[in-house]
C-alpha cells in the first residue's frame, strides 16, 4: 500500500511519552494537596516554563476544572487550555489539553506508611505536528528530560516546605 508519510519520512504518529518517578518525603495526601488542591498557586513553582497560569472555572480545583497556561519552552512561547481529567485525592491528578493534544499525569503511591510517597509524572504529547516530525527524536529527549526535572522540582519544593513547617514548630 502507498504511504506518503513513510516516503517523506515524517516520523511516527505515535504519542511522545516521557515519564519519571521519585520518592517524596511526605504523605500522599499532603503531596496531592500541593499538586491538586493548590495547582494554580504551585504549578509555576515546579514548572518554571509556565509564565502565566489562570483558573478559568470558579471554585476549588476539582474534576472538570479548566485552566489556561502560557509557557516558554526552549524559547518557544505557547498558550494552551487544559482540563482536570482525573482528580483522585492521594492517588492521581491528570490534566488534559483542550486546545492542544497533551496529557500530564501525576500518580501517587504511598511508600512508607504516610511518611513518603512515590511520585510518577508522565507527560504525553498525543500528536506531533507534521512540521515537528523530523525532530521527533529531539522532542522525545526533551520530554523525557522535562519529566525528570518535574519530579525533582516537586520533590525539592515539597520537602523544603515540609522542613520549613517543621522547624517553625
Protein backbone atom coordinates (compact mmCIF):
# COMPACT_ATOMS: atom_id res chain seq x y z
CA UNK A 1 0.00 0.00 0.00
CA UNK A 2 1.24 3.51 -0.82
CA UNK A 3 2.12 5.52 2.29
CA UNK A 4 3.14 9.10 1.57
CA UNK A 5 4.06 9.65 5.25
CA UNK A 6 6.69 6.93 5.23
CA UNK A 7 8.00 8.05 1.84
CA UNK A 8 8.56 11.55 3.18
CA UNK A 9 9.97 10.15 6.43
CA UNK A 10 7.58 12.25 8.52
CA UNK A 11 8.09 10.14 11.63
CA UNK A 12 5.53 8.22 13.59
CA UNK A 13 2.15 9.40 14.71
CA UNK A 14 2.60 7.51 17.99
CA UNK A 15 2.36 9.62 21.16
CA UNK A 16 5.62 11.00 22.50
CA UNK A 17 5.79 9.98 26.16
CA UNK A 18 8.19 10.90 28.93
CA UNK A 19 7.92 9.56 32.45
CA UNK A 20 9.94 9.80 35.65
CA UNK A 21 9.43 8.98 39.29
CA UNK A 22 10.96 9.74 42.65
CA UNK A 23 10.30 9.23 46.34
CA UNK A 24 9.00 12.33 48.14
CA UNK A 25 9.22 12.55 51.93
CA UNK A 26 5.60 13.40 52.72
CA UNK A 27 2.23 11.69 52.76
CA UNK A 28 0.30 11.09 49.55
CA UNK A 29 -2.49 13.37 50.80
CA UNK A 30 -0.07 16.24 51.53
CA UNK A 31 1.57 15.79 48.14
CA UNK A 32 -1.83 15.73 46.43
CA UNK A 33 -2.83 18.93 48.22
CA UNK A 34 0.32 20.60 46.83
CA UNK A 35 -0.23 19.26 43.30
CA UNK A 36 -4.01 19.20 43.03
CA UNK A 37 -5.77 21.46 45.51
CA UNK A 38 -3.12 24.18 45.20
CA UNK A 39 -2.39 23.59 41.49
CA UNK A 40 -2.82 27.21 40.40
CA UNK A 41 -0.53 28.53 43.15
CA UNK A 42 2.19 25.88 42.84
CA UNK A 43 2.38 24.75 39.20
CA UNK A 44 4.61 27.68 38.12
CA UNK A 45 6.95 26.84 41.04
CA UNK A 46 7.71 23.31 39.85
CA UNK A 47 7.46 24.19 36.17
CA UNK A 48 9.30 27.50 35.68
CA UNK A 49 8.46 27.38 31.96
CA UNK A 50 4.93 28.42 32.97
CA UNK A 51 4.87 32.21 32.65
CA UNK A 52 1.11 32.73 33.10
CA UNK A 53 -1.44 30.48 34.75
CA UNK A 54 -5.13 31.17 35.18
CA UNK A 55 -8.01 29.14 36.58
CA UNK A 56 -10.94 29.60 34.20
CA UNK A 57 -13.68 27.96 36.27
CA UNK A 58 -14.60 29.30 39.71
CA UNK A 59 -14.37 27.39 42.97
CA UNK A 60 -11.95 24.80 44.29
CA UNK A 61 -9.86 22.68 41.92
CA UNK A 62 -11.81 19.54 41.07
CA UNK A 63 -12.71 17.18 38.24
CA UNK A 64 -13.57 19.34 35.20
CA UNK A 65 -11.77 22.50 36.35
CA UNK A 66 -10.45 24.44 33.35
CA UNK A 67 -7.19 26.37 33.21
CA UNK A 68 -5.09 28.39 30.80
CA UNK A 69 -1.32 28.49 30.68
CA UNK A 70 1.33 30.38 28.76
CA UNK A 71 4.64 28.53 28.59
CA UNK A 72 8.04 29.29 27.14
CA UNK A 73 9.79 26.00 26.34
CA UNK A 74 13.26 26.26 24.80
CA UNK A 75 12.50 29.77 23.59
CA UNK A 76 9.13 28.82 22.07
CA UNK A 77 6.04 30.55 23.52
CA UNK A 78 2.79 28.61 23.56
CA UNK A 79 -0.61 29.12 25.08
CA UNK A 80 -2.96 26.27 25.87
CA UNK A 81 -6.09 25.44 27.78
CA UNK A 82 -6.39 22.32 29.88
CA UNK A 83 -8.98 20.45 31.91
CA UNK A 84 -8.68 18.38 35.09
CA UNK A 85 -9.46 14.95 33.66
CA UNK A 86 -8.71 12.84 36.78
CA UNK A 87 -8.86 14.17 40.33
CA UNK A 88 -8.39 11.36 42.85
CA UNK A 89 -7.11 12.79 46.17
CA UNK A 90 -3.99 11.00 47.37
CA UNK A 91 -3.75 8.95 44.16
CA UNK A 92 -3.87 10.73 40.80
CA UNK A 93 -4.16 14.09 39.07
CA UNK A 94 -4.43 14.26 35.27
CA UNK A 95 -4.51 17.39 33.13
CA UNK A 96 -5.60 17.05 29.50
CA UNK A 97 -5.11 19.66 26.83
CA UNK A 98 -8.31 21.15 25.46
CA UNK A 99 -6.64 23.26 22.78
CA UNK A 100 -3.52 21.07 22.34
CA UNK A 101 -3.13 17.27 22.32
CA UNK A 102 -1.31 16.59 25.60
CA UNK A 103 -1.88 14.75 28.87
CA UNK A 104 0.03 15.14 32.17
CA UNK A 105 -0.50 12.59 34.92
CA UNK A 106 0.80 12.78 38.48
CA UNK A 107 0.40 9.35 40.09
CA UNK A 108 0.94 8.97 43.84
CA UNK A 109 1.61 5.73 45.72
CA UNK A 110 2.03 5.51 49.49
CA UNK A 111 5.54 4.13 50.03
CA UNK A 112 6.11 4.14 53.79
CA UNK A 113 3.01 4.35 55.96
CA UNK A 114 2.25 8.02 55.27
CA UNK A 115 5.88 9.15 55.59
CA UNK A 116 6.84 9.02 51.92
CA UNK A 117 5.14 8.81 48.55
CA UNK A 118 6.29 7.52 45.17
CA UNK A 119 5.50 10.25 42.65
CA UNK A 120 5.37 9.25 39.00
CA UNK A 121 4.91 12.01 36.45
CA UNK A 122 4.05 11.16 32.85
CA UNK A 123 3.78 13.68 30.03
CA UNK A 124 2.20 12.54 26.78
CA UNK A 125 2.28 14.56 23.60
CA UNK A 126 -0.62 12.77 21.94
CA UNK A 127 0.04 14.10 18.45
CA UNK A 128 3.19 15.51 16.90
CA UNK A 129 2.70 18.28 14.35
CA UNK A 130 3.84 17.31 10.85
CA UNK A 131 6.46 20.08 10.85
CA UNK A 132 7.94 18.65 14.09
CA UNK A 133 8.11 15.00 12.94
CA UNK A 134 11.65 15.31 11.50
CA UNK A 135 12.70 16.37 15.02
CA UNK A 136 10.80 13.58 16.81
CA UNK A 137 13.94 12.11 18.42
CA UNK A 138 14.86 15.52 19.87
CA UNK A 139 11.29 16.06 21.08
CA UNK A 140 11.37 12.65 22.81
CA UNK A 141 14.62 13.52 24.60
CA UNK A 142 13.31 16.94 25.66
CA UNK A 143 10.09 15.42 27.04
CA UNK A 144 11.97 12.69 28.95
CA UNK A 145 14.38 15.25 30.44
CA UNK A 146 11.45 17.54 31.29
CA UNK A 147 9.69 14.73 33.16
CA UNK A 148 12.82 14.10 35.23
CA UNK A 149 13.16 17.80 36.05
CA UNK A 150 9.49 17.99 37.01
CA UNK A 151 9.64 15.23 39.64
CA UNK A 152 12.90 16.56 41.06
CA UNK A 153 11.50 20.11 41.28
CA UNK A 154 8.35 18.87 43.05
CA UNK A 155 10.41 16.75 45.47
CA UNK A 156 12.72 19.67 46.29
CA UNK A 157 9.87 22.17 46.78
CA UNK A 158 7.62 19.89 48.85
CA UNK A 159 10.41 18.64 51.10
CA UNK A 160 11.77 22.17 51.62
CA UNK A 161 8.25 23.37 52.50
CA UNK A 162 7.82 20.47 54.94
CA UNK A 163 11.22 21.22 56.54
CA UNK A 164 10.29 24.90 56.96
CA UNK A 165 7.00 23.99 58.62
CA UNK A 166 8.74 21.50 60.92
CA UNK A 167 11.42 23.97 62.01
CA UNK A 168 8.79 26.66 62.65
CA UNK A 169 7.04 24.49 65.24
